[in-house]
Amino acid sequence: MRTPLHTAIVELLARNPCGLTDKEIYERLREQYGEPSFNQLMKTLLKLEINGIVRVTRYQKETMKVELLI
């Protein structure tokens, strides 16, 4: 059974308490699952942010830092 994308992101962030960039999350998920597109990742991060599970902040010009809040 495949893990849902939002669950995989939360588990990944739980193992990295300092947070990760959006590109780091994407690369690690691609290694594990090989499926999610960057667009799917961005939509899922937005949903997680709206629900108060993660905080997404602009880290550099085109990079976002994602931190787990719960």
PDB file of N, CA and C in Angstrom:
ATOM      1  N   MET A   1       0.845  -1.194   0.000  1.00  0.00           N
ATOM      2  CA  MET A   1       0.000   0.000   0.000  1.00  0.00           C
ATOM      3  C   MET A   1       0.881   1.246   0.000  1.00  0.00           C
ATOM      4  N   ARG A   2       0.568   2.185  -0.849  1.00  0.00           N
ATOM      5  CA  ARG A   2       1.339   3.407  -0.981  1.00  0.00           C
ATOM      6  C   ARG A   2       0.936   4.436   0.072  1.00  0.00           C
ATOM      7  N   THR A   3       1.916   5.101   0.657  1.00  0.00           N
ATOM      8  CA  THR A   3       1.663   6.138   1.649  1.00  0.00           C
ATOM      9  C   THR A   3       1.151   7.395   0.949  1.00  0.00           C
ATOM     10  N   PRO A   4       0.089   8.033   1.467  1.00  0.00           N
ATOM     11  CA  PRO A   4      -0.381   9.292   0.870  1.00  0.00           C
ATOM     12  C   PRO A   4       0.719  10.354   0.914  1.00  0.00           C
ATOM     13  N   LEU A   5       0.725  11.246  -0.051  1.00  0.00           N
ATOM     14  CA  LEU A   5       1.769  12.255  -0.174  1.00  0.00           C
ATOM     15  C   LEU A   5       1.859  13.130   1.070  1.00  0.00           C
ATOM     16  N   HIS A   6       0.725  13.569   1.605  1.00  0.00           N
ATOM     17  CA  HIS A   6       0.769  14.447   2.778  1.00  0.00           C
ATOM     18  C   HIS A   6       1.373  13.726   3.991  1.00  0.00           C
ATOM     19  N   THR A   7       1.102  12.447   4.129  1.00  0.00           N
ATOM     20  CA  THR A   7       1.666  11.670   5.236  1.00  0.00           C
ATOM     21  C   THR A   7       3.170  11.511   5.050  1.00  0.00           C
ATOM     22  N   ALA A   8       3.603  11.251   3.834  1.00  0.00           N
ATOM     23  CA  ALA A   8       5.032  11.104   3.549  1.00  0.00           C
ATOM     24  C   ALA A   8       5.784  12.400   3.843  1.00  0.00           C
ATOM     25  N   ILE A   9       5.182  13.542   3.523  1.00  0.00           N
ATOM     26  CA  ILE A   9       5.814  14.837   3.791  1.00  0.00           C
ATOM     27  C   ILE A   9       5.941  15.064   5.286  1.00  0.00           C
ATOM     28  N   VAL A  10       4.882  14.805   6.045  1.00  0.00           N
ATOM     29  CA  VAL A  10       4.914  14.994   7.497  1.00  0.00           C
ATOM     30  C   VAL A  10       5.954  14.077   8.126  1.00  0.00           C
ATOM     31  N   GLU A  11       6.013  12.821   7.703  1.00  0.00           N
ATOM     32  CA  GLU A  11       7.009  11.889   8.234  1.00  0.00           C
ATOM     33  C   GLU A  11       8.425  12.348   7.915  1.00  0.00           C
ATOM     34  N   LEU A  12       8.641  12.848   6.724  1.00  0.00           N
ATOM     35  CA  LEU A  12       9.950  13.348   6.325  1.00  0.00           C
ATOM     36  C   LEU A  12      10.362  14.552   7.173  1.00  0.00           C
ATOM     37  N   LEU A  13       9.432  15.462   7.393  1.00  0.00           N
ATOM     38  CA  LEU A  13       9.728  16.642   8.213  1.00  0.00           C
ATOM     39  C   LEU A  13       9.922  16.273   9.683  1.00  0.00           C
ATOM     40  N   ALA A  14       9.237  15.242  10.162  1.00  0.00           N
ATOM     41  CA  ALA A  14       9.402  14.793  11.544  1.00  0.00           C
ATOM     42  C   ALA A  14      10.818  14.268  11.771  1.00  0.00           C
ATOM     43  N   ARG A  15      11.406  13.678  10.747  1.00  0.00           N
ATOM     44  CA  ARG A  15      12.778  13.172  10.855  1.00  0.00           C
ATOM     45  C   ARG A  15      13.812  14.280  10.681  1.00  0.00           C
ATOM     46  N   ASN A  16      13.383  15.468  10.269  1.00  0.00           N
ATOM     47  CA  ASN A  16      14.278  16.614  10.049  1.00  0.00           C
ATOM     48  C   ASN A  16      13.716  17.831  10.775  1.00  0.00           C
ATOM     49  N   PRO A  17      13.916  17.912  12.092  1.00  0.00           N
ATOM     50  CA  PRO A  17      13.272  18.965  12.902  1.00  0.00           C
ATOM     51  C   PRO A  17      13.667  20.397  12.535  1.00  0.00           C
ATOM     52  N   CYS A  18      14.789  20.593  11.862  1.00  0.00           N
ATOM     53  CA  CYS A  18      15.190  21.949  11.459  1.00  0.00           C
ATOM     54  C   CYS A  18      14.489  22.399  10.191  1.00  0.00           C
ATOM     55  N   GLY A  19      13.739  21.497   9.569  1.00  0.00           N
ATOM     56  CA  GLY A  19      13.027  21.819   8.338  1.00  0.00           C
ATOM     57  C   GLY A  19      13.850  21.478   7.112  1.00  0.00           C
ATOM     58  N   LEU A  20      13.203  21.521   5.973  1.00  0.00           N
ATOM     59  CA  LEU A  20      13.823  21.234   4.681  1.00  0.00           C
ATOM     60  C   LEU A  20      13.334  22.243   3.660  1.00  0.00           C
ATOM     61  N   THR A  21      14.083  22.390   2.583  1.00  0.00           N
ATOM     62  CA  THR A  21      13.599  23.249   1.508  1.00  0.00           C
ATOM     63  C   THR A  21      12.622  22.445   0.656  1.00  0.00           C
ATOM     64  N   ASP A  22      11.834  23.148  -0.138  1.00  0.00           N
ATOM     65  CA  ASP A  22      10.893  22.460  -1.017  1.00  0.00           C
ATOM     66  C   ASP A  22      11.613  21.535  -1.989  1.00  0.00           C
ATOM     67  N   LYS A  23      12.780  21.940  -2.452  1.00  0.00           N
ATOM     68  CA  LYS A  23      13.546  21.109  -3.392  1.00  0.00           C
ATOM     69  C   LYS A  23      14.100  19.859  -2.719  1.00  0.00           C
ATOM     70  N   GLU A  24      14.528  19.973  -1.462  1.00  0.00           N
ATOM     71  CA  GLU A  24      15.008  18.801  -0.718  1.00  0.00           C
ATOM     72  C   GLU A  24      13.879  17.796  -0.507  1.00  0.00           C
ATOM     73  N   ILE A  25      12.711  18.308  -0.147  1.00  0.00           N
ATOM     74  CA  ILE A  25      11.553  17.424   0.042  1.00  0.00           C
ATOM     75  C   ILE A  25      11.227  16.721  -1.267  1.00  0.00           C
ATOM     76  N   TYR A  26      11.216  17.462  -2.352  1.00  0.00           N
ATOM     77  CA  TYR A  26      10.897  16.888  -3.657  1.00  0.00           C
ATOM     78  C   TYR A  26      11.881  15.779  -4.025  1.00  0.00           C
ATOM     79  N   GLU A  27      13.165  16.038  -3.860  1.00  0.00           N
ATOM     80  CA  GLU A  27      14.180  15.040  -4.213  1.00  0.00           C
ATOM     81  C   GLU A  27      14.049  13.779  -3.357  1.00  0.00           C
ATOM     82  N   ARG A  28      13.818  13.935  -2.069  1.00  0.00           N
ATOM     83  CA  ARG A  28      13.695  12.773  -1.184  1.00  0.00           C
ATOM     84  C   ARG A  28      12.434  11.968  -1.486  1.00  0.00           C
ATOM     85  N   LEU A  29      11.354  12.642  -1.818  1.00  0.00           N
ATOM     86  CA  LEU A  29      10.127  11.930  -2.177  1.00  0.00           C
ATOM     87  C   LEU A  29      10.293  11.209  -3.510  1.00  0.00           C
ATOM     88  N   ARG A  30      11.008  11.813  -4.442  1.00  0.00           N
ATOM     89  CA  ARG A  30      11.262  11.165  -5.736  1.00  0.00           C
ATOM     90  C   ARG A  30      12.091   9.890  -5.541  1.00  0.00           C
ATOM     91  N   GLU A  31      13.046   9.936  -4.602  1.00  0.00           N
ATOM     92  CA  GLU A  31      13.857   8.753  -4.320  1.00  0.00           C
ATOM     93  C   GLU A  31      12.992   7.624  -3.761  1.00  0.00           C
ATOM     94  N   GLN A  32      12.055   7.977  -2.874  1.00  0.00           N
ATOM     95  CA  GLN A  32      11.212   6.974  -2.230  1.00  0.00           C
ATOM     96  C   GLN A  32      10.098   6.471  -3.140  1.00  0.00           C
ATOM     97  N   TYR A  33       9.401   7.385  -3.787  1.00  0.00           N
ATOM     98  CA  TYR A  33       8.186   7.032  -4.515  1.00  0.00           C
ATOM     99  C   TYR A  33       8.315   7.142  -6.025  1.00  0.00           C
ATOM    100  N   GLY A  34       9.167   8.049  -6.496  1.00  0.00           N
ATOM    101  CA  GLY A  34       9.362   8.208  -7.924  1.00  0.00           C
ATOM    102  C   GLY A  34       8.206   8.821  -8.688  1.00  0.00           C
ATOM    103  N   GLU A  35       7.096   9.109  -8.045  1.00  0.00           N
ATOM    104  CA  GLU A  35       5.895   9.556  -8.742  1.00  0.00           C
ATOM    105  C   GLU A  35       5.552  11.030  -8.645  1.00  0.00           C
ATOM    106  N   PRO A  36       5.569  11.622  -7.456  1.00  0.00           N
ATOM    107  CA  PRO A  36       4.955  12.954  -7.334  1.00  0.00           C
ATOM    108  C   PRO A  36       5.631  14.013  -8.202  1.00  0.00           C
ATOM    109  N   SER A  37       4.815  14.846  -8.808  1.00  0.00           N
ATOM    110  CA  SER A  37       5.353  15.978  -9.568  1.00  0.00           C
ATOM    111  C   SER A  37       5.577  17.135  -8.599  1.00  0.00           C
ATOM    112  N   PHE A  38       6.378  18.113  -9.030  1.00  0.00           N
ATOM    113  CA  PHE A  38       6.646  19.273  -8.188  1.00  0.00           C
ATOM    114  C   PHE A  38       5.360  20.044  -7.936  1.00  0.00           C
ATOM    115  N   ASN A  39       4.466  20.075  -8.911  1.00  0.00           N
ATOM    116  CA  ASN A  39       3.178  20.748  -8.779  1.00  0.00           C
ATOM    117  C   ASN A  39       2.322  20.076  -7.697  1.00  0.00           C
ATOM    118  N   GLN A  40       2.314  18.736  -7.676  1.00  0.00           N
ATOM    119  CA  GLN A  40       1.576  18.006  -6.638  1.00  0.00           C
ATOM    120  C   GLN A  40       2.142  18.329  -5.259  1.00  0.00           C
ATOM    121  N   LEU A  41       3.469  18.405  -5.169  1.00  0.00           N
ATOM    122  CA  LEU A  41       4.114  18.731  -3.900  1.00  0.00           C
ATOM    123  C   LEU A  41       3.674  20.109  -3.423  1.00  0.00           C
ATOM    124  N   MET A  42       3.673  21.091  -4.306  1.00  0.00           N
ATOM    125  CA  MET A  42       3.292  22.455  -3.924  1.00  0.00           C
ATOM    126  C   MET A  42       1.842  22.522  -3.455  1.00  0.00           C
ATOM    127  N   LYS A  43       0.947  21.817  -4.136  1.00  0.00           N
ATOM    128  CA  LYS A  43      -0.466  21.798  -3.731  1.00  0.00           C
ATOM    129  C   LYS A  43      -0.625  21.149  -2.360  1.00  0.00           C
ATOM    130  N   THR A  44       0.103  20.069  -2.127  1.00  0.00           N
ATOM    131  CA  THR A  44       0.016  19.378  -0.844  1.00  0.00           C
ATOM    132  C   THR A  44       0.599  20.238   0.277  1.00  0.00           C
ATOM    133  N   LEU A  45       1.707  20.923   0.016  1.00  0.00           N
ATOM    134  CA  LEU A  45       2.286  21.818   1.027  1.00  0.00           C
ATOM    135  C   LEU A  45       1.326  22.947   1.369  1.00  0.00           C
ATOM    136  N   LEU A  46       0.620  23.475   0.376  1.00  0.00           N
ATOM    137  CA  LEU A  46      -0.359  24.533   0.618  1.00  0.00           C
ATOM    138  C   LEU A  46      -1.475  24.027   1.528  1.00  0.00           C
ATOM    139  N   LYS A  47      -1.981  22.827   1.266  1.00  0.00           N
ATOM    140  CA  LYS A  47      -3.031  22.243   2.110  1.00  0.00           C
ATOM    141  C   LYS A  47      -2.538  22.033   3.536  1.00  0.00           C
ATOM    142  N   LEU A  48      -1.308  21.534   3.678  1.00  0.00           N
ATOM    143  CA  LEU A  48      -0.742  21.318   5.009  1.00  0.00           C
ATOM    144  C   LEU A  48      -0.554  22.647   5.740  1.00  0.00           C
ATOM    145  N   GLU A  49      -0.174  23.688   5.013  1.00  0.00           N
ATOM    146  CA  GLU A  49       0.002  25.007   5.626  1.00  0.00           C
ATOM    147  C   GLU A  49      -1.344  25.593   6.065  1.00  0.00           C
ATOM    148  N   ILE A  50      -2.349  25.473   5.235  1.00  0.00           N
ATOM    149  CA  ILE A  50      -3.685  25.985   5.568  1.00  0.00           C
ATOM    150  C   ILE A  50      -4.229  25.287   6.821  1.00  0.00           C
ATOM    151  N   ASN A  51      -3.935  24.004   6.956  1.00  0.00           N
ATOM    152  CA  ASN A  51      -4.415  23.236   8.106  1.00  0.00           C
ATOM    153  C   ASN A  51      -3.527  23.381   9.334  1.00  0.00           C
ATOM    154  N   GLY A  52      -2.494  24.220   9.272  1.00  0.00           N
ATOM    155  CA  GLY A  52      -1.658  24.494  10.429  1.00  0.00           C
ATOM    156  C   GLY A  52      -0.686  23.381  10.789  1.00  0.00           C
ATOM    157  N   ILE A  53      -0.352  22.545   9.838  1.00  0.00           N
ATOM    158  CA  ILE A  53       0.552  21.425  10.105  1.00  0.00           C
ATOM    159  C   ILE A  53       1.995  21.800   9.799  1.00  0.00           C
ATOM    160  N   VAL A  54       2.206  22.616   8.772  1.00  0.00           N
ATOM    161  CA  VAL A  54       3.549  23.071   8.420  1.00  0.00           C
ATOM    162  C   VAL A  54       3.556  24.589   8.262  1.00  0.00           C
ATOM    163  N   ARG A  55       4.774  25.140   8.326  1.00  0.00           N
ATOM    164  CA  ARG A  55       4.976  26.563   8.041  1.00  0.00           C
ATOM    165  C   ARG A  55       5.886  26.637   6.831  1.00  0.00           C
ATOM    166  N   VAL A  56       5.482  27.394   5.834  1.00  0.00           N
ATOM    167  CA  VAL A  56       6.277  27.561   4.620  1.00  0.00           C
ATOM    168  C   VAL A  56       6.709  29.012   4.552  1.00  0.00           C
ATOM    169  N   THR A  57       8.016  29.233   4.508  1.00  0.00           N
ATOM    170  CA  THR A  57       8.544  30.594   4.434  1.00  0.00           C
ATOM    171  C   THR A  57       9.495  30.702   3.244  1.00  0.00           C
ATOM    172  N   ARG A  58       9.550  31.903   2.693  1.00  0.00           N
ATOM    173  CA  ARG A  58      10.448  32.165   1.572  1.00  0.00           C
ATOM    174  C   ARG A  58      11.866  32.166   2.135  1.00  0.00           C
ATOM    175  N   TYR A  59      12.726  31.291   1.623  1.00  0.00           N
ATOM    176  CA  TYR A  59      14.079  31.114   2.137  1.00  0.00           C
ATOM    177  C   TYR A  59      15.087  31.880   1.288  1.00  0.00           C
ATOM    178  N   GLN A  60      14.960  31.752   0.003  1.00  0.00           N
ATOM    179  CA  GLN A  60      15.768  32.489  -0.964  1.00  0.00           C
ATOM    180  C   GLN A  60      14.821  32.918  -2.076  1.00  0.00           C
ATOM    181  N   LYS A  61      15.359  33.441  -3.144  1.00  0.00           N
ATOM    182  CA  LYS A  61      14.504  33.961  -4.211  1.00  0.00           C
ATOM    183  C   LYS A  61      13.492  32.931  -4.716  1.00  0.00           C
ATOM    184  N   GLU A  62      13.947  31.724  -5.000  1.00  0.00           N
ATOM    185  CA  GLU A  62      13.045  30.714  -5.544  1.00  0.00           C
ATOM    186  C   GLU A  62      12.993  29.453  -4.691  1.00  0.00           C
ATOM    187  N   THR A  63      13.335  29.572  -3.425  1.00  0.00           N
ATOM    188  CA  THR A  63      13.348  28.412  -2.546  1.00  0.00           C
ATOM    189  C   THR A  63      12.510  28.704  -1.305  1.00  0.00           C
ATOM    190  N   MET A  64      11.756  27.709  -0.872  1.00  0.00           N
ATOM    191  CA  MET A  64      10.956  27.849   0.334  1.00  0.00           C
ATOM    192  C   MET A  64      11.445  26.873   1.394  1.00  0.00           C
ATOM    193  N   LYS A  65      11.421  27.307   2.635  1.00  0.00           N
ATOM    194  CA  LYS A  65      11.764  26.430   3.746  1.00  0.00           C
ATOM    195  C   LYS A  65      10.467  25.942   4.373  1.00  0.00           C
ATOM    196  N   VAL A  66      10.402  24.661   4.652  1.00  0.00           N
ATOM    197  CA  VAL A  66       9.201  24.047   5.206  1.00  0.00           C
ATOM    198  C   VAL A  66       9.539  23.459   6.572  1.00  0.00           C
ATOM    199  N   GLU A  67       8.754  23.824   7.586  1.00  0.00           N
ATOM    200  CA  GLU A  67       8.975  23.335   8.940  1.00  0.00           C
ATOM    201  C   GLU A  67       7.684  22.723   9.470  1.00  0.00           C
ATOM    202  N   LEU A  68       7.826  21.671  10.223  1.00  0.00           N
ATOM    203  CA  LEU A  68       6.692  20.990  10.845  1.00  0.00           C
ATOM    204  C   LEU A  68       6.295  21.753  12.103  1.00  0.00           C
ATOM    205  N   LEU A  69       5.004  22.029  12.285  1.00  0.00           N
ATOM    206  CA  LEU A  69       4.519  22.776  13.443  1.00  0.00           C
ATOM    207  C   LEU A  69       3.967  21.889  14.551  1.00  0.00           C
ATOM    208  N   ILE A  70       3.536  20.706  14.222  1.00  0.00           N
ATOM    209  CA  ILE A  70       2.908  19.849  15.233  1.00  0.00           C
ATOM    210  C   ILE A  70       3.906  18.865  15.817  1.00  0.00           C
TER     211      ILE A  70
END
